[in-house]
Amino acid sequence: MEEINVHTSKNYKIFFSNVRDKLQNLIDEYGIKDIYLITDKNIYNLYANEFSYFKGIKGLYIINPGEENKNKDTVFDIYNDMLSKDCNRKTSIVSLGGGVVGDIAGFVASTFMRGLKFINIPTTLMAQCDSSVGGKNGFDFNGYKNIIGTFYQPEFVFVDTNFIHTISCQDYKNGLAEIIKYGFIYDDTFFDYIDANKEQIKKRNEDVISTMVYKSLKIKSDIVCMDEHDNGIRQILNFGHTIGHGIESASNFSIKHGEAVAAGMLIESYLSLKCSLLSAHEFKRLLDIINYFEMPTYFDDMNEKSIMKSMLKDKKRNDSKINFILPERIGSAIITDKLSQNTVEDILIKWVGKKLW
């Protein structure tokens, strides 16, 4: 079992293992006894017979899958259920699921009785390579993505890539978008690895998936260790997300997060190209890899003003300015708030009209 150490205001470990039997050993080792398990219907239907790993389950809450359920109603329903189950300060929250489950479970853990122990067991590619690490938790509110949330670190994260074999093709692509992000803005050799192994990635080769997830986790944890609360370098992980979150919100979350991020990465890279930062060759490499994995680059029924409205309410906004992450070459990016709203809206108009690339 491999380990990655995450050094933040609370140090913890990411355990990386394809042997799920080791999970109960970790739960015992960490003294976790009274467990309140939060999962979703898909995971419950697939893995309910394996819940014996969690001895002493005090409560079980099953969320309906989908971003539309990441809201205050779900959070408050969980609070009510926990009270009915007599959960207390000795109760530990365990998240078993993707990003929606992890974000909600982490928020509940950070707020119920002013904070309970939290264990994150991500089951989707996106959650394993990205959202399970770093301590960001929360939910969507009034159509705005993750606008209510906390920073709250887990006791540990347990990553088993065997879960990946049961996720849908769409969810697999969602995770690939985040993995591509890491290479494109932080590690050119990792991007080259993704490009060189794209055929095996599409086939879900187990060794290649494990390598990608581990490398992504290492990059994410290194950046989080440098900037836990997202005030500096951690903001580069928002590449594709500034516009991507705007697309998600404008679609009322009918567009998947990874799909929106893939399109967002292309639009933001196109902005970088027009700012004479990114070369046309490097832009084409990003476009080619996104096309290879058949991620959508345009969406029907989009409106640039709706996207801009969502972006102007985004938590990444700085006063009246919007932070953008612009790649300056593969493996490096800058954080800037110097792009005018008119410049961005002009590009969005062309994108909505399918007149880019």
Protein backbone atom coordinates (compact mmCIF):
# COMPACT_ATOMS: atom_id res chain seq x y z
CA MET A 1 0.00 0.00 0.00
CA GLU A 2 1.51 3.29 -1.13
CA GLU A 3 1.13 6.49 0.87
CA ILE A 4 1.21 10.20 0.06
CA ASN A 5 1.64 12.61 2.96
CA VAL A 6 -0.39 15.82 2.85
CA HIS A 7 1.02 18.54 5.12
CA THR A 8 -1.57 21.20 5.89
CA SER A 9 -3.04 22.73 9.05
CA LYS A 10 -3.91 19.10 9.72
CA ASN A 11 -1.52 16.50 8.36
CA TYR A 12 -3.01 13.36 6.86
CA LYS A 13 -2.26 10.55 4.44
CA ILE A 14 -3.64 9.34 1.15
CA PHE A 15 -3.54 5.55 1.12
CA PHE A 16 -3.32 4.13 -2.37
CA SER A 17 -4.23 0.45 -2.59
CA ASN A 18 -6.22 -1.95 -4.77
CA VAL A 19 -6.75 -4.27 -1.81
CA ARG A 20 -9.94 -3.07 -0.14
CA ASP A 21 -9.47 -5.46 2.79
CA LYS A 22 -6.87 -3.03 4.13
CA LEU A 23 -9.56 -0.40 4.66
CA GLN A 24 -10.91 -2.03 7.81
CA ASN A 25 -7.38 -2.23 9.21
CA LEU A 26 -7.02 1.52 8.68
CA ILE A 27 -10.38 2.21 10.31
CA ASP A 28 -9.29 0.19 13.34
CA GLU A 29 -5.86 1.81 13.38
CA TYR A 30 -7.40 5.30 13.42
CA GLY A 31 -9.83 4.35 16.18
CA ILE A 32 -12.91 4.94 14.05
CA LYS A 33 -15.91 3.24 15.69
CA ASP A 34 -19.27 5.01 15.36
CA ILE A 35 -19.61 5.50 11.61
CA TYR A 36 -22.18 7.58 9.77
CA LEU A 37 -21.81 6.51 6.14
CA ILE A 38 -22.81 8.82 3.29
CA THR A 39 -22.97 7.34 -0.20
CA ASP A 40 -25.13 7.55 -3.31
CA LYS A 41 -27.68 5.20 -4.85
CA ASN A 42 -25.33 3.99 -7.61
CA ILE A 43 -22.58 3.01 -5.17
CA TYR A 44 -25.03 1.46 -2.76
CA ASN A 45 -26.52 -0.72 -5.50
CA LEU A 46 -23.08 -1.85 -6.64
CA TYR A 47 -21.28 -2.32 -3.34
CA ALA A 48 -23.84 -2.73 -0.53
CA ASN A 49 -22.62 -6.27 0.07
CA GLU A 50 -19.15 -4.84 0.85
CA PHE A 51 -20.33 -2.45 3.55
CA SER A 52 -19.18 -5.02 6.08
CA TYR A 53 -15.86 -3.18 5.89
CA PHE A 54 -17.49 -0.55 8.06
CA LYS A 55 -18.10 -2.17 11.42
CA GLY A 56 -20.32 -0.22 13.75
CA ILE A 57 -22.34 1.76 11.22
CA LYS A 58 -24.51 4.14 13.22
CA GLY A 59 -26.32 5.55 10.24
CA LEU A 60 -26.48 5.35 6.46
CA TYR A 61 -27.57 8.14 4.15
CA ILE A 62 -28.02 7.50 0.42
CA ILE A 63 -27.95 10.55 -1.86
CA ASN A 64 -29.59 10.50 -5.27
CA PRO A 65 -26.79 10.82 -7.85
CA GLY A 66 -26.26 14.08 -9.70
CA GLU A 67 -25.02 17.62 -9.15
CA GLU A 68 -28.61 18.84 -8.79
CA ASN A 69 -28.71 17.06 -5.41
CA LYS A 70 -25.68 18.91 -4.04
CA ASN A 71 -27.78 21.49 -2.25
CA LYS A 72 -28.87 22.76 1.16
CA ASP A 73 -31.91 20.46 1.23
CA THR A 74 -29.69 17.39 1.12
CA VAL A 75 -27.36 18.83 3.76
CA PHE A 76 -30.19 19.66 6.17
CA ASP A 77 -31.84 16.30 5.59
CA ILE A 78 -28.56 14.65 6.62
CA TYR A 79 -28.41 16.82 9.77
CA ASN A 80 -31.93 15.70 10.69
CA ASP A 81 -31.11 12.07 10.06
CA MET A 82 -27.94 12.29 12.15
CA LEU A 83 -29.90 13.77 15.04
CA SER A 84 -32.45 10.97 14.79
CA LYS A 85 -29.61 8.43 14.96
CA ASP A 86 -28.15 10.10 18.09
CA CYS A 87 -24.88 11.01 16.33
CA ASN A 88 -22.47 12.88 18.57
CA ARG A 89 -18.91 14.19 18.76
CA LYS A 90 -17.58 10.60 18.72
CA THR A 91 -19.31 9.85 15.41
CA SER A 92 -17.14 9.76 12.29
CA ILE A 93 -18.41 10.67 8.83
CA VAL A 94 -17.32 8.33 6.03
CA SER A 95 -17.84 9.40 2.43
CA LEU A 96 -18.09 6.60 -0.13
CA GLY A 97 -18.74 8.02 -3.57
CA GLY A 98 -17.82 10.65 -6.10
CA GLY A 99 -17.36 14.39 -5.86
CA VAL A 100 -20.96 15.21 -4.92
CA VAL A 101 -20.92 12.74 -2.02
CA GLY A 102 -17.46 13.84 -0.88
CA ASP A 103 -18.27 17.56 -0.99
CA ILE A 104 -21.48 17.14 0.99
CA ALA A 105 -20.03 14.65 3.48
CA GLY A 106 -17.03 16.89 4.11
CA PHE A 107 -19.26 19.90 4.68
CA VAL A 108 -21.49 17.98 7.07
CA ALA A 109 -18.42 16.69 8.94
CA SER A 110 -17.02 20.21 9.24
CA THR A 111 -20.24 21.74 10.60
CA PHE A 112 -22.19 19.14 12.59
CA MET A 113 -21.46 19.72 16.29
CA ARG A 114 -18.61 22.01 15.16
CA GLY A 115 -16.67 19.21 13.50
CA LEU A 116 -16.47 15.43 13.35
CA LYS A 117 -13.79 13.08 12.06
CA PHE A 118 -14.03 12.62 8.30
CA ILE A 119 -12.78 9.81 6.05
CA ASN A 120 -12.97 10.15 2.27
CA ILE A 121 -13.17 7.06 0.05
CA PRO A 122 -13.55 8.36 -3.53
CA THR A 123 -15.07 6.01 -6.10
CA THR A 124 -15.00 8.03 -9.35
CA LEU A 125 -11.95 8.99 -11.37
CA MET A 126 -12.58 12.69 -10.79
CA ALA A 127 -12.91 12.28 -7.03
CA GLN A 128 -9.86 10.02 -6.84
CA CYS A 129 -7.55 12.25 -8.84
CA ASP A 130 -8.82 15.62 -7.62
CA SER A 131 -11.71 16.48 -5.31
CA SER A 132 -10.97 14.02 -2.49
CA VAL A 133 -7.76 15.85 -1.60
CA GLY A 134 -7.33 19.42 -0.42
CA GLY A 135 -10.12 19.93 2.09
CA LYS A 136 -12.62 21.85 -0.05
CA ASN A 137 -16.20 20.95 0.85
CA GLY A 138 -19.57 22.49 0.14
CA PHE A 139 -22.68 22.66 -1.97
CA ASP A 140 -24.31 24.67 -4.74
CA PHE A 141 -26.72 27.47 -3.87
CA ASN A 142 -29.12 29.53 -5.99
CA GLY A 143 -27.56 28.13 -9.15
CA TYR A 144 -23.98 28.98 -8.18
CA LYS A 145 -21.38 26.23 -8.02
CA ASN A 146 -19.86 25.44 -4.60
CA ILE A 147 -20.69 28.93 -3.34
CA ILE A 148 -21.26 27.66 0.24
CA GLY A 149 -18.40 25.68 1.71
CA THR A 150 -15.55 25.17 4.14
CA PHE A 151 -11.95 24.05 4.23
CA TYR A 152 -11.85 20.88 6.32
CA GLN A 153 -9.24 18.17 6.07
CA PRO A 154 -10.00 14.44 6.47
CA GLU A 155 -8.43 11.92 8.81
CA PHE A 156 -7.28 10.06 5.73
CA VAL A 157 -8.19 9.36 2.10
CA PHE A 158 -8.37 5.80 0.78
CA VAL A 159 -8.01 5.40 -2.99
CA ASP A 160 -8.82 2.10 -4.69
CA THR A 161 -8.74 2.41 -8.50
CA ASN A 162 -10.73 -0.82 -8.87
CA PHE A 163 -13.81 1.36 -8.40
CA ILE A 164 -13.04 2.96 -11.77
CA HIS A 165 -14.07 -0.15 -13.70
CA THR A 166 -17.71 0.31 -12.72
CA ILE A 167 -18.17 4.00 -13.58
CA SER A 168 -19.86 5.14 -16.78
CA CYS A 169 -18.00 6.28 -19.88
CA GLN A 170 -19.18 9.83 -19.24
CA ASP A 171 -17.92 9.83 -15.64
CA TYR A 172 -14.61 8.38 -16.80
CA LYS A 173 -14.18 11.26 -19.26
CA ASN A 174 -15.08 13.72 -16.51
CA GLY A 175 -12.10 12.52 -14.50
CA LEU A 176 -9.81 12.56 -17.52
CA ALA A 177 -10.50 16.28 -17.94
CA GLU A 178 -9.02 16.96 -14.48
CA ILE A 179 -6.05 14.69 -15.16
CA ILE A 180 -5.30 16.50 -18.43
CA LYS A 181 -5.47 19.75 -16.48
CA TYR A 182 -2.64 18.69 -14.16
CA GLY A 183 -0.29 17.93 -17.00
CA PHE A 184 -1.15 20.96 -19.08
CA ILE A 185 -0.64 23.61 -16.41
CA TYR A 186 1.91 21.98 -14.10
CA ASP A 187 3.88 19.02 -15.49
CA ASP A 188 4.74 18.75 -19.18
CA THR A 189 6.20 15.24 -18.81
CA PHE A 190 2.89 14.08 -17.31
CA PHE A 191 1.02 15.62 -20.24
CA ASP A 192 3.39 13.77 -22.60
CA TYR A 193 2.63 10.54 -20.70
CA ILE A 194 -1.11 11.05 -21.14
CA ASP A 195 -0.64 11.77 -24.84
CA ALA A 196 1.63 8.76 -25.36
CA ASN A 197 -0.72 6.38 -23.53
CA LYS A 198 -4.06 7.71 -24.75
CA GLU A 199 -5.03 4.44 -26.41
CA GLN A 200 -4.49 2.47 -23.19
CA ILE A 201 -6.26 5.21 -21.22
CA LYS A 202 -9.30 4.82 -23.44
CA LYS A 203 -9.20 1.06 -22.82
CA ARG A 204 -9.00 1.70 -19.04
CA ASN A 205 -5.73 -0.14 -18.68
CA GLU A 206 -5.36 -0.75 -14.94
CA ASP A 207 -1.65 0.09 -14.70
CA VAL A 208 -2.05 3.29 -16.70
CA ILE A 209 -5.05 4.40 -14.61
CA SER A 210 -3.12 3.76 -11.40
CA THR A 211 -0.17 5.78 -12.68
CA MET A 212 -2.40 8.68 -13.73
CA VAL A 213 -4.31 8.80 -10.46
CA TYR A 214 -1.17 8.55 -8.33
CA LYS A 215 0.61 11.28 -10.32
CA SER A 216 -2.44 13.56 -10.16
CA LEU A 217 -2.74 13.04 -6.40
CA LYS A 218 0.95 13.81 -5.94
CA ILE A 219 0.65 17.06 -7.89
CA LYS A 220 -2.54 18.05 -6.05
CA SER A 221 -1.09 17.28 -2.62
CA ASP A 222 2.16 19.15 -3.38
CA ILE A 223 0.22 22.25 -4.41
CA VAL A 224 -2.19 22.02 -1.45
CA CYS A 225 0.78 21.76 0.93
CA MET A 226 2.11 25.04 -0.47
CA ASP A 227 -1.23 26.87 -0.41
CA GLU A 228 -3.96 25.20 1.64
CA HIS A 229 -6.50 28.02 1.51
CA ASP A 230 -6.28 28.88 -2.17
CA ASN A 231 -4.65 32.29 -1.86
CA GLY A 232 -1.75 31.73 -4.28
CA ILE A 233 -0.38 28.89 -6.37
CA ARG A 234 -3.34 26.60 -5.65
CA GLN A 235 -5.43 28.87 -7.87
CA ILE A 236 -3.73 27.41 -10.95
CA LEU A 237 -5.83 24.28 -10.32
CA ASN A 238 -8.79 26.41 -11.38
CA PHE A 239 -7.61 26.19 -15.00
CA GLY A 240 -10.72 25.56 -17.07
CA HIS A 241 -12.93 26.01 -14.01
CA THR A 242 -13.52 29.77 -14.22
CA ILE A 243 -15.41 29.43 -17.48
CA GLY A 244 -16.30 25.79 -16.80
CA HIS A 245 -18.27 26.66 -13.66
CA GLY A 246 -20.02 29.39 -15.62
CA ILE A 247 -21.03 26.84 -18.24
CA GLU A 248 -22.26 24.41 -15.57
CA SER A 249 -24.34 27.04 -13.81
CA ALA A 250 -25.75 28.43 -17.06
CA SER A 251 -26.91 24.91 -17.96
CA ASN A 252 -28.59 24.46 -14.55
CA PHE A 253 -26.01 21.70 -13.99
CA SER A 254 -27.31 19.54 -16.83
CA ILE A 255 -23.74 19.60 -18.21
CA LYS A 256 -21.30 17.41 -16.29
CA HIS A 257 -18.45 19.09 -14.43
CA GLY A 258 -15.68 17.42 -16.44
CA GLU A 259 -17.37 18.25 -19.74
CA ALA A 260 -17.65 21.90 -18.74
CA VAL A 261 -14.03 21.96 -17.53
CA ALA A 262 -12.78 20.46 -20.82
CA ALA A 263 -14.56 23.21 -22.76
CA GLY A 264 -13.37 25.77 -20.21
CA MET A 265 -9.75 24.67 -20.63
CA LEU A 266 -10.04 25.14 -24.38
CA ILE A 267 -11.63 28.59 -24.11
CA GLU A 268 -9.12 29.77 -21.53
CA SER A 269 -6.25 28.36 -23.61
CA TYR A 270 -7.65 30.16 -26.64
CA LEU A 271 -7.63 33.37 -24.58
CA SER A 272 -3.99 32.61 -23.74
CA LEU A 273 -3.24 32.05 -27.42
CA LYS A 274 -4.80 35.43 -28.29
CA CYS A 275 -2.73 37.04 -25.52
CA SER A 276 0.44 35.66 -27.20
CA LEU A 277 1.26 33.43 -24.25
CA LEU A 278 0.44 29.93 -25.53
CA SER A 279 1.67 28.79 -28.93
CA ALA A 280 -0.71 27.55 -31.61
CA HIS A 281 1.06 24.17 -31.57
CA GLU A 282 0.51 23.75 -27.82
CA PHE A 283 -3.11 24.82 -28.11
CA LYS A 284 -3.62 22.21 -30.83
CA ARG A 285 -2.12 19.50 -28.61
CA LEU A 286 -4.75 20.26 -25.96
CA LEU A 287 -7.52 20.36 -28.55
CA ASP A 288 -6.36 17.07 -30.07
CA ILE A 289 -6.28 15.18 -26.76
CA ILE A 290 -9.73 16.46 -25.77
CA ASN A 291 -11.08 15.47 -29.18
CA TYR A 292 -9.39 12.06 -28.90
CA PHE A 293 -11.26 11.30 -25.69
CA GLU A 294 -14.48 12.53 -27.34
CA MET A 295 -15.17 15.25 -24.80
CA PRO A 296 -17.62 17.88 -26.02
CA THR A 297 -16.03 21.17 -27.03
CA TYR A 298 -19.32 23.00 -27.64
CA PHE A 299 -22.80 22.80 -26.16
CA ASP A 300 -26.15 23.72 -27.62
CA ASP A 301 -28.40 26.39 -26.10
CA MET A 302 -25.58 28.29 -24.42
CA ASN A 303 -25.75 32.03 -23.83
CA GLU A 304 -22.65 34.13 -23.22
CA LYS A 305 -24.46 36.54 -20.89
CA SER A 306 -25.68 33.70 -18.67
CA ILE A 307 -22.13 32.32 -18.48
CA MET A 308 -20.73 35.77 -17.64
CA LYS A 309 -23.40 36.32 -14.97
CA SER A 310 -22.41 33.08 -13.27
CA MET A 311 -18.71 33.89 -13.52
CA LEU A 312 -19.26 37.30 -11.91
CA LYS A 313 -20.85 35.56 -8.89
CA ASP A 314 -18.14 32.90 -8.71
CA LYS A 315 -16.15 32.57 -5.49
CA LYS A 316 -12.92 33.06 -7.48
CA ARG A 317 -13.87 36.65 -8.33
CA ASN A 318 -11.61 39.39 -6.93
CA ASP A 319 -13.79 42.47 -6.33
CA SER A 320 -15.10 43.29 -9.81
CA LYS A 321 -12.35 41.32 -11.54
CA ILE A 322 -12.30 37.66 -12.50
CA ASN A 323 -9.18 35.56 -12.01
CA PHE A 324 -8.17 33.49 -15.03
CA ILE A 325 -5.56 30.78 -15.27
CA LEU A 326 -3.77 31.15 -18.59
CA PRO A 327 -1.24 28.52 -19.70
CA GLU A 328 1.93 30.11 -21.01
CA ARG A 329 3.31 26.79 -22.21
CA ILE A 330 2.56 23.14 -21.50
CA GLY A 331 3.50 22.60 -17.87
CA SER A 332 3.24 26.22 -16.75
CA ALA A 333 0.48 28.78 -16.20
CA ILE A 334 -0.07 32.27 -14.82
CA ILE A 335 -2.83 33.75 -12.67
CA THR A 336 -4.20 37.03 -13.99
CA ASP A 337 -7.14 39.35 -13.44
CA LYS A 338 -6.13 41.65 -16.31
CA LEU A 339 -8.59 40.35 -18.90
CA SER A 340 -11.46 42.75 -19.46
CA GLN A 341 -15.02 41.51 -19.33
CA ASN A 342 -15.48 42.68 -22.93
CA THR A 343 -12.55 40.56 -24.10
CA VAL A 344 -13.91 37.48 -22.37
CA GLU A 345 -17.47 38.07 -23.55
CA ASP A 346 -16.28 38.55 -27.15
CA ILE A 347 -14.56 35.15 -27.02
CA LEU A 348 -17.64 33.57 -25.45
CA ILE A 349 -19.83 35.02 -28.22
CA LYS A 350 -17.60 33.33 -30.79
CA TRP A 351 -17.59 30.09 -28.79
CA VAL A 352 -21.38 30.06 -28.47
CA GLY A 353 -21.53 30.66 -32.22
CA LYS A 354 -19.11 27.76 -32.77
CA LYS A 355 -16.57 30.01 -34.48
CA LEU A 356 -13.49 29.03 -32.47
CA TRP A 357 -10.85 26.48 -33.40
